[in-house]
Amino acid sequence: GLPVTAVRSRAPDRHTYLVRPDLGRTLDAAAAAR
């Protein structure tokens, strides 16, 4: 019964996510607009 929205962080891929934790803490601009 939960409405769902999918978003992503500013990390574009898994490698970047692992080496740039700061990008995983901020919303992708297009995702934020949703």
PDB file of all heavy atoms in Angstrom:
ATOM      1  N   GLY A   1       0.786  -1.227   0.000  1.00  0.00           N
ATOM      2  CA  GLY A   1       0.000   0.000   0.000  1.00  0.00           C
ATOM      3  C   GLY A   1       0.814   1.271   0.000  1.00  0.00           C
ATOM      4  O   GLY A   1       0.281   2.354   0.303  1.00  0.00           O
ATOM      5  N   LEU A   2       2.102   1.178  -0.365  1.00  0.00           N
ATOM      6  CA  LEU A   2       2.967   2.348  -0.345  1.00  0.00           C
ATOM      7  C   LEU A   2       3.124   2.922  -1.750  1.00  0.00           C
ATOM      8  O   LEU A   2       3.519   2.206  -2.673  1.00  0.00           O
ATOM      9  CB  LEU A   2       4.350   1.977   0.192  1.00  0.00           C
ATOM     10  CG  LEU A   2       4.448   1.670   1.685  1.00  0.00           C
ATOM     11  CD1 LEU A   2       5.813   1.076   2.010  1.00  0.00           C
ATOM     12  CD2 LEU A   2       4.205   2.937   2.509  1.00  0.00           C
ATOM     13  N   PRO A   3       2.851   4.213  -1.940  1.00  0.00           N
ATOM     14  CA  PRO A   3       3.208   4.851  -3.213  1.00  0.00           C
ATOM     15  C   PRO A   3       4.725   4.944  -3.318  1.00  0.00           C
ATOM     16  O   PRO A   3       5.414   5.208  -2.325  1.00  0.00           O
ATOM     17  CB  PRO A   3       2.570   6.240  -3.106  1.00  0.00           C
ATOM     18  CG  PRO A   3       2.399   6.478  -1.641  1.00  0.00           C
ATOM     19  CD  PRO A   3       2.199   5.141  -0.993  1.00  0.00           C
ATOM     20  N   VAL A   4       5.268   4.705  -4.508  1.00  0.00           N
ATOM     21  CA  VAL A   4       6.709   4.590  -4.680  1.00  0.00           C
ATOM     22  C   VAL A   4       7.200   5.556  -5.743  1.00  0.00           C
ATOM     23  O   VAL A   4       6.589   5.712  -6.801  1.00  0.00           O
ATOM     24  CB  VAL A   4       7.095   3.144  -5.084  1.00  0.00           C
ATOM     25  CG1 VAL A   4       8.607   3.026  -5.264  1.00  0.00           C
ATOM     26  CG2 VAL A   4       6.609   2.143  -4.044  1.00  0.00           C
ATOM     27  N   THR A   5       8.323   6.214  -5.454  1.00  0.00           N
ATOM     28  CA  THR A   5       9.054   7.020  -6.428  1.00  0.00           C
ATOM     29  C   THR A   5      10.498   6.550  -6.431  1.00  0.00           C
ATOM     30  O   THR A   5      11.063   6.280  -5.366  1.00  0.00           O
ATOM     31  CB  THR A   5       9.008   8.515  -6.065  1.00  0.00           C
ATOM     32  OG1 THR A   5       7.652   8.958  -5.998  1.00  0.00           O
ATOM     33  CG2 THR A   5       9.753   9.351  -7.092  1.00  0.00           C
ATOM     34  N   ALA A   6      11.095   6.443  -7.598  1.00  0.00           N
ATOM     35  CA  ALA A   6      12.496   6.036  -7.709  1.00  0.00           C
ATOM     36  C   ALA A   6      13.357   7.242  -8.039  1.00  0.00           C
ATOM     37  O   ALA A   6      13.023   8.038  -8.926  1.00  0.00           O
ATOM     38  CB  ALA A   6      12.659   4.962  -8.783  1.00  0.00           C
ATOM     39  N   VAL A   7      14.453   7.395  -7.297  1.00  0.00           N
ATOM     40  CA  VAL A   7      15.392   8.492  -7.537  1.00  0.00           C
ATOM     41  C   VAL A   7      16.813   7.925  -7.508  1.00  0.00           C
ATOM     42  O   VAL A   7      17.024   6.742  -7.237  1.00  0.00           O
ATOM     43  CB  VAL A   7      15.255   9.615  -6.482  1.00  0.00           C
ATOM     44  CG1 VAL A   7      13.852  10.187  -6.484  1.00  0.00           C
ATOM     45  CG2 VAL A   7      15.619   9.110  -5.089  1.00  0.00           C
ATOM     46  N   ARG A   8      17.786   8.772  -7.742  1.00  0.00           N
ATOM     47  CA  ARG A   8      19.173   8.355  -7.641  1.00  0.00           C
ATOM     48  C   ARG A   8      20.014   9.516  -7.121  1.00  0.00           C
ATOM     49  O   ARG A   8      19.586  10.693  -7.190  1.00  0.00           O
ATOM     50  CB  ARG A   8      19.719   7.869  -8.982  1.00  0.00           C
ATOM     51  CG  ARG A   8      19.705   8.877 -10.107  1.00  0.00           C
ATOM     52  CD  ARG A   8      20.274   8.274 -11.380  1.00  0.00           C
ATOM     53  NE  ARG A   8      21.618   7.765 -11.202  1.00  0.00           N
ATOM     54  CZ  ARG A   8      21.938   6.461 -11.223  1.00  0.00           C
ATOM     55  NH1 ARG A   8      21.005   5.553 -11.447  1.00  0.00           N
ATOM     56  NH2 ARG A   8      23.173   6.059 -11.052  1.00  0.00           N
ATOM     57  N   SER A   9      21.190   9.213  -6.636  1.00  0.00           N
ATOM     58  CA  SER A   9      22.098  10.255  -6.183  1.00  0.00           C
ATOM     59  C   SER A   9      22.881  10.806  -7.368  1.00  0.00           C
ATOM     60  O   SER A   9      22.685  10.411  -8.517  1.00  0.00           O
ATOM     61  CB  SER A   9      23.067   9.681  -5.144  1.00  0.00           C
ATOM     62  OG  SER A   9      24.048   8.861  -5.785  1.00  0.00           O
ATOM     63  N   ARG A  10      23.819  11.671  -7.087  1.00  0.00           N
ATOM     64  CA  ARG A  10      24.658  12.241  -8.146  1.00  0.00           C
ATOM     65  C   ARG A  10      25.788  11.298  -8.556  1.00  0.00           C
ATOM     66  O   ARG A  10      26.526  11.612  -9.503  1.00  0.00           O
ATOM     67  CB  ARG A  10      25.237  13.577  -7.692  1.00  0.00           C
ATOM     68  CG  ARG A  10      24.203  14.705  -7.620  1.00  0.00           C
ATOM     69  CD  ARG A  10      24.845  16.003  -7.150  1.00  0.00           C
ATOM     70  NE  ARG A  10      25.965  16.381  -8.014  1.00  0.00           N
ATOM     71  CZ  ARG A  10      27.071  16.988  -7.574  1.00  0.00           C
ATOM     72  NH1 ARG A  10      27.207  17.253  -6.285  1.00  0.00           N
ATOM     73  NH2 ARG A  10      28.012  17.321  -8.418  1.00  0.00           N
ATOM     74  N   ALA A  11      25.927  10.158  -7.881  1.00  0.00           N
ATOM     75  CA  ALA A  11      26.940   9.176  -8.294  1.00  0.00           C
ATOM     76  C   ALA A  11      26.413   8.437  -9.528  1.00  0.00           C
ATOM     77  O   ALA A  11      25.392   7.747  -9.438  1.00  0.00           O
ATOM     78  CB  ALA A  11      27.221   8.196  -7.166  1.00  0.00           C
ATOM     79  N   PRO A  12      27.065   8.532 -10.677  1.00  0.00           N
ATOM     80  CA  PRO A  12      26.504   7.967 -11.902  1.00  0.00           C
ATOM     81  C   PRO A  12      26.649   6.460 -12.020  1.00  0.00           C
ATOM     82  O   PRO A  12      25.945   5.829 -12.803  1.00  0.00           O
ATOM     83  CB  PRO A  12      27.311   8.670 -13.008  1.00  0.00           C
ATOM     84  CG  PRO A  12      28.621   8.984 -12.360  1.00  0.00           C
ATOM     85  CD  PRO A  12      28.307   9.288 -10.933  1.00  0.00           C
ATOM     86  N   ASP A  13      27.555   5.867 -11.255  1.00  0.00           N
ATOM     87  CA  ASP A  13      27.784   4.426 -11.354  1.00  0.00           C
ATOM     88  C   ASP A  13      28.367   3.930 -10.040  1.00  0.00           C
ATOM     89  O   ASP A  13      28.662   4.718  -9.127  1.00  0.00           O
ATOM     90  CB  ASP A  13      28.729   4.091 -12.527  1.00  0.00           C
ATOM     91  CG  ASP A  13      30.019   4.897 -12.473  1.00  0.00           C
ATOM     92  OD1 ASP A  13      30.688   4.909 -11.420  1.00  0.00           O
ATOM     93  OD2 ASP A  13      30.345   5.547 -13.489  1.00  0.00           O
ATOM     94  N   ARG A  14      28.516   2.600  -9.941  1.00  0.00           N
ATOM     95  CA  ARG A  14      28.936   2.008  -8.672  1.00  0.00           C
ATOM     96  C   ARG A  14      30.363   2.393  -8.300  1.00  0.00           C
ATOM     97  O   ARG A  14      30.656   2.654  -7.137  1.00  0.00           O
ATOM     98  CB  ARG A  14      28.814   0.473  -8.753  1.00  0.00           C
ATOM     99  CG  ARG A  14      28.769  -0.199  -7.384  1.00  0.00           C
ATOM    100  CD  ARG A  14      27.582   0.310  -6.597  1.00  0.00           C
ATOM    101  NE  ARG A  14      27.382  -0.382  -5.342  1.00  0.00           N
ATOM    102  CZ  ARG A  14      26.510   0.012  -4.426  1.00  0.00           C
ATOM    103  NH1 ARG A  14      25.752   1.063  -4.646  1.00  0.00           N
ATOM    104  NH2 ARG A  14      26.371  -0.654  -3.302  1.00  0.00           N
ATOM    105  N   HIS A  15      31.257   2.419  -9.275  1.00  0.00           N
ATOM    106  CA  HIS A  15      32.641   2.793  -8.961  1.00  0.00           C
ATOM    107  C   HIS A  15      32.701   4.198  -8.381  1.00  0.00           C
ATOM    108  O   HIS A  15      33.360   4.437  -7.357  1.00  0.00           O
ATOM    109  CB  HIS A  15      33.505   2.696 -10.220  1.00  0.00           C
ATOM    110  CG  HIS A  15      34.906   3.203 -10.005  1.00  0.00           C
ATOM    111  ND1 HIS A  15      35.846   2.487  -9.300  1.00  0.00           N
ATOM    112  CD2 HIS A  15      35.508   4.382 -10.377  1.00  0.00           C
ATOM    113  CE1 HIS A  15      36.976   3.179  -9.246  1.00  0.00           C
ATOM    114  NE2 HIS A  15      36.795   4.327  -9.886  1.00  0.00           N
ATOM    115  N   THR A  16      32.019   5.137  -9.012  1.00  0.00           N
ATOM    116  CA  THR A  16      32.012   6.510  -8.507  1.00  0.00           C
ATOM    117  C   THR A  16      31.397   6.567  -7.120  1.00  0.00           C
ATOM    118  O   THR A  16      31.888   7.286  -6.236  1.00  0.00           O
ATOM    119  CB  THR A  16      31.235   7.424  -9.467  1.00  0.00           C
ATOM    120  OG1 THR A  16      31.770   7.298 -10.784  1.00  0.00           O
ATOM    121  CG2 THR A  16      31.311   8.871  -9.021  1.00  0.00           C
ATOM    122  N   TYR A  17      30.332   5.818  -6.934  1.00  0.00           N
ATOM    123  CA  TYR A  17      29.677   5.775  -5.619  1.00  0.00           C
ATOM    124  C   TYR A  17      30.660   5.351  -4.523  1.00  0.00           C
ATOM    125  O   TYR A  17      30.660   5.910  -3.421  1.00  0.00           O
ATOM    126  CB  TYR A  17      28.505   4.802  -5.680  1.00  0.00           C
ATOM    127  CG  TYR A  17      27.871   4.485  -4.350  1.00  0.00           C
ATOM    128  CD1 TYR A  17      26.955   5.353  -3.762  1.00  0.00           C
ATOM    129  CD2 TYR A  17      28.180   3.302  -3.668  1.00  0.00           C
ATOM    130  CE1 TYR A  17      26.367   5.059  -2.546  1.00  0.00           C
ATOM    131  CE2 TYR A  17      27.600   3.001  -2.450  1.00  0.00           C
ATOM    132  CZ  TYR A  17      26.695   3.886  -1.894  1.00  0.00           C
ATOM    133  OH  TYR A  17      26.128   3.588  -0.683  1.00  0.00           O
ATOM    134  N   LEU A  18      31.496   4.365  -4.819  1.00  0.00           N
ATOM    135  CA  LEU A  18      32.408   3.835  -3.813  1.00  0.00           C
ATOM    136  C   LEU A  18      33.572   4.776  -3.524  1.00  0.00           C
ATOM    137  O   LEU A  18      34.034   4.856  -2.384  1.00  0.00           O
ATOM    138  CB  LEU A  18      32.939   2.470  -4.251  1.00  0.00           C
ATOM    139  CG  LEU A  18      31.901   1.346  -4.311  1.00  0.00           C
ATOM    140  CD1 LEU A  18      32.493   0.088  -4.915  1.00  0.00           C
ATOM    141  CD2 LEU A  18      31.324   1.051  -2.924  1.00  0.00           C
ATOM    142  N   VAL A  19      34.038   5.504  -4.537  1.00  0.00           N
ATOM    143  CA  VAL A  19      35.207   6.366  -4.330  1.00  0.00           C
ATOM    144  C   VAL A  19      34.833   7.813  -4.037  1.00  0.00           C
ATOM    145  O   VAL A  19      35.677   8.588  -3.594  1.00  0.00           O
ATOM    146  CB  VAL A  19      36.163   6.309  -5.550  1.00  0.00           C
ATOM    147  CG1 VAL A  19      36.652   4.886  -5.770  1.00  0.00           C
ATOM    148  CG2 VAL A  19      35.507   6.859  -6.806  1.00  0.00           C
ATOM    149  N   ARG A  20      33.556   8.183  -4.246  1.00  0.00           N
ATOM    150  CA  ARG A  20      33.096   9.550  -3.978  1.00  0.00           C
ATOM    151  C   ARG A  20      31.849   9.513  -3.098  1.00  0.00           C
ATOM    152  O   ARG A  20      30.728   9.744  -3.565  1.00  0.00           O
ATOM    153  CB  ARG A  20      32.779  10.271  -5.298  1.00  0.00           C
ATOM    154  CG  ARG A  20      33.985  10.638  -6.142  1.00  0.00           C
ATOM    155  CD  ARG A  20      34.755  11.820  -5.536  1.00  0.00           C
ATOM    156  NE  ARG A  20      33.901  12.975  -5.286  1.00  0.00           N
ATOM    157  CZ  ARG A  20      33.624  13.920  -6.197  1.00  0.00           C
ATOM    158  NH1 ARG A  20      34.112  13.824  -7.421  1.00  0.00           N
ATOM    159  NH2 ARG A  20      32.865  14.956  -5.869  1.00  0.00           N
ATOM    160  N   PRO A  21      32.022   9.240  -1.806  1.00  0.00           N
ATOM    161  CA  PRO A  21      30.855   9.187  -0.910  1.00  0.00           C
ATOM    162  C   PRO A  21      30.028  10.460  -0.915  1.00  0.00           C
ATOM    163  O   PRO A  21      28.812  10.413  -0.705  1.00  0.00           O
ATOM    164  CB  PRO A  21      31.488   8.945   0.464  1.00  0.00           C
ATOM    165  CG  PRO A  21      32.806   8.320   0.177  1.00  0.00           C
ATOM    166  CD  PRO A  21      33.274   8.932  -1.104  1.00  0.00           C
ATOM    167  N   ASP A  22      30.659  11.606  -1.171  1.00  0.00           N
ATOM    168  CA  ASP A  22      29.919  12.868  -1.158  1.00  0.00           C
ATOM    169  C   ASP A  22      28.827  12.896  -2.217  1.00  0.00           C
ATOM    170  O   ASP A  22      27.739  13.444  -1.996  1.00  0.00           O
ATOM    171  CB  ASP A  22      30.879  14.042  -1.363  1.00  0.00           C
ATOM    172  CG  ASP A  22      31.680  13.922  -2.658  1.00  0.00           C
ATOM    173  OD1 ASP A  22      32.250  12.845  -2.914  1.00  0.00           O
ATOM    174  OD2 ASP A  22      31.744  14.923  -3.409  1.00  0.00           O
ATOM    175  N   LEU A  23      29.085  12.281  -3.378  1.00  0.00           N
ATOM    176  CA  LEU A  23      28.076  12.275  -4.434  1.00  0.00           C
ATOM    177  C   LEU A  23      26.887  11.395  -4.069  1.00  0.00           C
ATOM    178  O   LEU A  23      25.762  11.642  -4.518  1.00  0.00           O
ATOM    179  CB  LEU A  23      28.691  11.814  -5.753  1.00  0.00           C
ATOM    180  CG  LEU A  23      29.776  12.713  -6.345  1.00  0.00           C
ATOM    181  CD1 LEU A  23      30.283  12.145  -7.656  1.00  0.00           C
ATOM    182  CD2 LEU A  23      29.265  14.141  -6.531  1.00  0.00           C
ATOM    183  N   GLY A  24      27.116  10.371  -3.257  1.00  0.00           N
ATOM    184  CA  GLY A  24      26.027   9.510  -2.816  1.00  0.00           C
ATOM    185  C   GLY A  24      25.127  10.165  -1.784  1.00  0.00           C
ATOM    186  O   GLY A  24      24.058   9.628  -1.463  1.00  0.00           O
ATOM    187  N   ARG A  25      25.541  11.330  -1.284  1.00  0.00           N
ATOM    188  CA  ARG A  25      24.763  12.044  -0.264  1.00  0.00           C
ATOM    189  C   ARG A  25      23.919  13.168  -0.848  1.00  0.00           C
ATOM    190  O   ARG A  25      23.202  13.850  -0.104  1.00  0.00           O
ATOM    191  CB  ARG A  25      25.698  12.615   0.802  1.00  0.00           C
ATOM    192  CG  ARG A  25      26.507  11.564   1.541  1.00  0.00           C
ATOM    193  CD  ARG A  25      27.337  12.184   2.655  1.00  0.00           C
ATOM    194  NE  ARG A  25      28.160  11.175   3.307  1.00  0.00           N
ATOM    195  CZ  ARG A  25      29.482  11.097   3.212  1.00  0.00           C
ATOM    196  NH1 ARG A  25      30.143  11.996   2.498  1.00  0.00           N
ATOM    197  NH2 ARG A  25      30.148  10.137   3.819  1.00  0.00           N
ATOM    198  N   THR A  26      24.015  13.394  -2.158  1.00  0.00           N
ATOM    199  CA  THR A  26      23.277  14.493  -2.775  1.00  0.00           C
ATOM    200  C   THR A  26      22.413  13.965  -3.915  1.00  0.00           C
ATOM    201  O   THR A  26      22.790  13.044  -4.630  1.00  0.00           O
ATOM    202  CB  THR A  26      24.234  15.584  -3.305  1.00  0.00           C
ATOM    203  OG1 THR A  26      25.199  14.969  -4.169  1.00  0.00           O
ATOM    204  CG2 THR A  26      24.951  16.266  -2.162  1.00  0.00           C
ATOM    205  N   LEU A  27      21.249  14.581  -4.088  1.00  0.00           N
ATOM    206  CA  LEU A  27      20.284  14.125  -5.082  1.00  0.00           C
ATOM    207  C   LEU A  27      20.663  14.582  -6.488  1.00  0.00           C
ATOM    208  O   LEU A  27      21.097  15.717  -6.694  1.00  0.00           O
ATOM    209  CB  LEU A  27      18.904  14.690  -4.761  1.00  0.00           C
ATOM    210  CG  LEU A  27      17.941  13.845  -3.949  1.00  0.00           C
ATOM    211  CD1 LEU A  27      16.711  14.674  -3.605  1.00  0.00           C
ATOM    212  CD2 LEU A  27      17.545  12.576  -4.668  1.00  0.00           C
ATOM    213  N   ASP A  28      20.483  13.679  -7.437  1.00  0.00           N
ATOM    214  CA  ASP A  28      20.541  14.052  -8.838  1.00  0.00           C
ATOM    215  C   ASP A  28      19.442  15.086  -9.109  1.00  0.00           C
ATOM    216  O   ASP A  28      18.319  14.968  -8.609  1.00  0.00           O
ATOM    217  CB  ASP A  28      20.330  12.801  -9.691  1.00  0.00           C
ATOM    218  CG  ASP A  28      20.176  13.109 -11.159  1.00  0.00           C
ATOM    219  OD1 ASP A  28      21.195  13.355 -11.814  1.00  0.00           O
ATOM    220  OD2 ASP A  28      19.024  13.089 -11.640  1.00  0.00           O
ATOM    221  N   ALA A  29      19.774  16.106  -9.895  1.00  0.00           N
ATOM    222  CA  ALA A  29      18.838  17.215 -10.105  1.00  0.00           C
ATOM    223  C   ALA A  29      17.529  16.755 -10.734  1.00  0.00           C
ATOM    224  O   ALA A  29      16.441  17.178 -10.321  1.00  0.00           O
ATOM    225  CB  ALA A  29      19.495  18.287 -10.977  1.00  0.00           C
ATOM    226  N   ALA A  30      17.624  15.882 -11.730  1.00  0.00           N
ATOM    227  CA  ALA A  30      16.397  15.403 -12.382  1.00  0.00           C
ATOM    228  C   ALA A  30      15.556  14.584 -11.407  1.00  0.00           C
ATOM    229  O   ALA A  30      14.317  14.651 -11.421  1.00  0.00           O
ATOM    230  CB  ALA A  30      16.746  14.570 -13.609  1.00  0.00           C
ATOM    231  N   ALA A  31      16.224  13.816 -10.547  1.00  0.00           N
ATOM    232  CA  ALA A  31      15.494  13.021  -9.551  1.00  0.00           C
ATOM    233  C   ALA A  31      14.795  13.925  -8.550  1.00  0.00           C
ATOM    234  O   ALA A  31      13.644  13.682  -8.160  1.00  0.00           O
ATOM    235  CB  ALA A  31      16.454  12.074  -8.841  1.00  0.00           C
ATOM    236  N   ALA A  32      15.463  14.972  -8.133  1.00  0.00           N
ATOM    237  CA  ALA A  32      14.871  15.889  -7.153  1.00  0.00           C
ATOM    238  C   ALA A  32      13.585  16.500  -7.689  1.00  0.00           C
ATOM    239  O   ALA A  32      12.619  16.718  -6.949  1.00  0.00           O
ATOM    240  CB  ALA A  32      15.868  16.976  -6.794  1.00  0.00           C
ATOM    241  N   ALA A  33      13.548  16.759  -8.985  1.00  0.00           N
ATOM    242  CA  ALA A  33      12.371  17.373  -9.581  1.00  0.00           C
ATOM    243  C   ALA A  33      11.152  16.458  -9.540  1.00  0.00           C
ATOM    244  O   ALA A  33      10.014  16.927  -9.645  1.00  0.00           O
ATOM    245  CB  ALA A  33      12.671  17.773 -11.026  1.00  0.00           C
ATOM    246  N   ARG A  34      11.374  15.142  -9.368  1.00  0.00           N
ATOM    247  CA  ARG A  34      10.247  14.204  -9.325  1.00  0.00           C
ATOM    248  C   ARG A  34       9.615  14.125  -7.949  1.00  0.00           C
ATOM    249  O   ARG A  34       8.571  13.495  -7.777  1.00  0.00           O
ATOM    250  CB  ARG A  34      10.716  12.806  -9.749  1.00  0.00           C
ATOM    251  CG  ARG A  34      11.069  12.707 -11.220  1.00  0.00           C
ATOM    252  CD  ARG A  34      11.085  11.255 -11.680  1.00  0.00           C
ATOM    253  NE  ARG A  34      12.117  10.478 -11.039  1.00  0.00           N
ATOM    254  CZ  ARG A  34      13.383  10.393 -11.484  1.00  0.00           C
ATOM    255  NH1 ARG A  34      13.733  11.080 -12.565  1.00  0.00           N
ATOM    256  NH2 ARG A  34      14.262   9.653 -10.870  1.00  0.00           N
TER     257      ARG A  34
END
